[in-house]
Protein backbone atom coordinates (compact mmCIF):
# COMPACT_ATOMS: atom_id res chain seq x y z
CA MET A 1 0.00 0.00 0.00
CA ILE A 2 1.33 3.42 -0.98
CA ALA A 3 1.44 6.29 1.52
CA SER A 4 -1.01 9.10 0.83
CA GLU A 5 1.71 11.73 0.50
CA GLU A 6 3.63 9.64 -2.04
CA LEU A 7 0.43 9.00 -4.01
CA MET A 8 -0.39 12.71 -3.99
CA ARG A 9 3.06 13.53 -5.36
CA MET A 10 2.72 10.88 -8.10
CA ILE A 11 -0.63 12.36 -9.11
CA VAL A 12 0.75 15.91 -9.23
CA HIS A 13 3.69 14.70 -11.34
CA VAL A 14 1.39 13.05 -13.91
CA LEU A 15 -0.86 16.12 -14.11
CA GLU A 16 2.16 18.39 -14.56
CA GLN A 17 3.56 16.15 -17.31
CA HIS A 18 0.28 16.38 -19.23
CA LYS A 19 -0.03 20.17 -18.91
CA GLY A 20 -2.56 20.31 -16.09
CA GLU A 21 -2.95 23.93 -15.08
CA ASP A 22 -3.13 25.72 -11.72
CA ILE A 23 -2.54 22.55 -9.68
CA THR A 24 -3.43 23.02 -6.02
CA VAL A 25 -3.08 20.47 -3.23
CA LEU A 26 -5.14 20.81 -0.07
CA ASP A 27 -4.13 18.88 3.05
CA LEU A 28 -7.36 17.76 4.71
CA ARG A 29 -5.89 15.45 7.35
CA GLU A 30 -6.80 17.80 10.21
CA LEU A 31 -10.29 18.52 8.85
CA THR A 32 -11.79 15.17 7.86
CA TYR A 33 -11.19 11.46 8.11
CA VAL A 34 -12.63 10.79 4.64
CA THR A 35 -9.48 11.61 2.67
CA ASP A 36 -6.02 13.06 3.28
CA PHE A 37 -5.57 15.29 0.22
CA PHE A 38 -7.51 17.00 -2.53
CA VAL A 39 -5.56 17.57 -5.73
CA ILE A 40 -7.35 20.24 -7.76
CA CYS A 41 -6.37 20.94 -11.35
CA SER A 42 -7.69 22.72 -14.42
CA GLY A 43 -7.68 21.68 -18.03
CA ARG A 44 -8.01 24.13 -20.90
CA SER A 45 -11.17 22.53 -22.29
CA GLU A 46 -13.53 19.59 -21.75
CA VAL A 47 -11.32 17.52 -24.06
CA HIS A 48 -8.22 18.42 -22.05
CA VAL A 49 -10.01 17.63 -18.75
CA ASP A 50 -10.95 14.19 -20.10
CA ALA A 51 -7.42 13.58 -21.40
CA LEU A 52 -5.90 14.49 -18.02
CA ALA A 53 -8.21 12.05 -16.25
CA GLU A 54 -7.46 9.28 -18.78
CA GLU A 55 -3.70 9.77 -18.54
CA LEU A 56 -3.82 9.84 -14.75
CA GLU A 57 -5.78 6.59 -14.61
CA PHE A 58 -3.46 4.98 -17.17
CA GLU A 59 -0.22 6.00 -15.43
CA LEU A 60 -1.41 4.96 -11.97
CA LYS A 61 -2.73 1.61 -13.23
CA LYS A 62 0.76 0.88 -14.56
CA ASN A 63 1.87 1.09 -10.93
CA GLY A 64 -0.97 -1.10 -9.67
CA ILE A 65 -3.00 1.83 -8.33
CA PHE A 66 -6.68 1.86 -9.26
CA ALA A 67 -9.35 4.48 -8.62
CA TRP A 68 -12.04 3.50 -6.15
CA GLY A 69 -14.47 5.54 -8.18
CA VAL A 70 -14.64 7.99 -11.08
CA GLU A 71 -17.42 10.53 -11.58
CA GLY A 72 -18.20 13.13 -14.22
CA LYS A 73 -16.65 11.66 -17.35
CA ARG A 74 -19.79 12.40 -19.33
CA GLY A 75 -20.29 15.94 -18.06
CA GLY A 76 -16.92 17.34 -19.03
CA ARG A 77 -16.75 20.31 -16.59
CA TRP A 78 -15.54 18.29 -13.60
CA ILE A 79 -14.08 14.83 -13.29
CA LEU A 80 -13.50 13.37 -9.84
CA LEU A 81 -11.12 10.44 -9.33
CA ASP A 82 -11.21 8.87 -5.88
CA TYR A 83 -8.01 7.11 -4.85
CA GLY A 84 -9.06 6.79 -1.22
CA SER A 85 -6.49 8.87 0.60
CA VAL A 86 -6.26 11.27 -2.35
CA VAL A 87 -9.23 12.66 -4.27
CA VAL A 88 -8.47 14.34 -7.59
CA HIS A 89 -10.70 17.07 -9.03
CA ILE A 90 -10.06 18.06 -12.66
CA PHE A 91 -12.08 21.04 -13.87
CA THR A 92 -12.60 23.24 -16.86
CA PRO A 93 -11.79 26.84 -15.87
CA GLU A 94 -15.52 27.64 -15.71
CA GLY A 95 -16.30 24.57 -13.63
CA ARG A 96 -13.52 25.37 -11.20
CA MET A 97 -14.80 28.91 -10.68
CA PHE A 98 -18.37 27.67 -10.23
CA PHE A 99 -17.62 24.94 -7.67
CA ASP A 100 -14.79 26.90 -5.97
CA LEU A 101 -13.48 24.05 -3.81
CA GLU A 102 -10.57 26.15 -2.59
CA ARG A 103 -13.05 28.56 -0.98
CA ILE A 104 -15.22 25.78 0.46
CA TRP A 105 -12.16 24.08 1.98
CA ASN A 106 -10.40 27.36 2.86
CA GLN A 107 -9.35 26.01 6.29
CA ALA A 108 -7.22 23.33 4.66
CA LYS A 109 -3.46 23.81 4.49
CA ARG A 110 -2.07 24.25 1.01
CA VAL A 111 0.79 21.93 0.12
CA GLU A 112 3.76 23.35 -1.77
CA ILE A 113 4.37 21.30 -4.90
């Protein structure tokens, strides 16, 4: 089993490699027991959002890491990938502004990446 911090860093690396934009990591360990980190990222378009999610799933599967659940692949504005201790949110710019997770979880510590 991979440590949540190591998984978070792997996820950030994959998103950076595939031109994910404005990547933010929120440390939720002191706020909830549901997950340790949110990784929030933007894609330039619905196609880019989908491609980021596909590449992330592909790269992690190569390392034996599978998502517990994936939501939003048909909507395009927001795809959520649940890896248990790390939940990944990939948005279009408009979707990210609308849902504004950084504001909702403003008590979370931001992780330098």
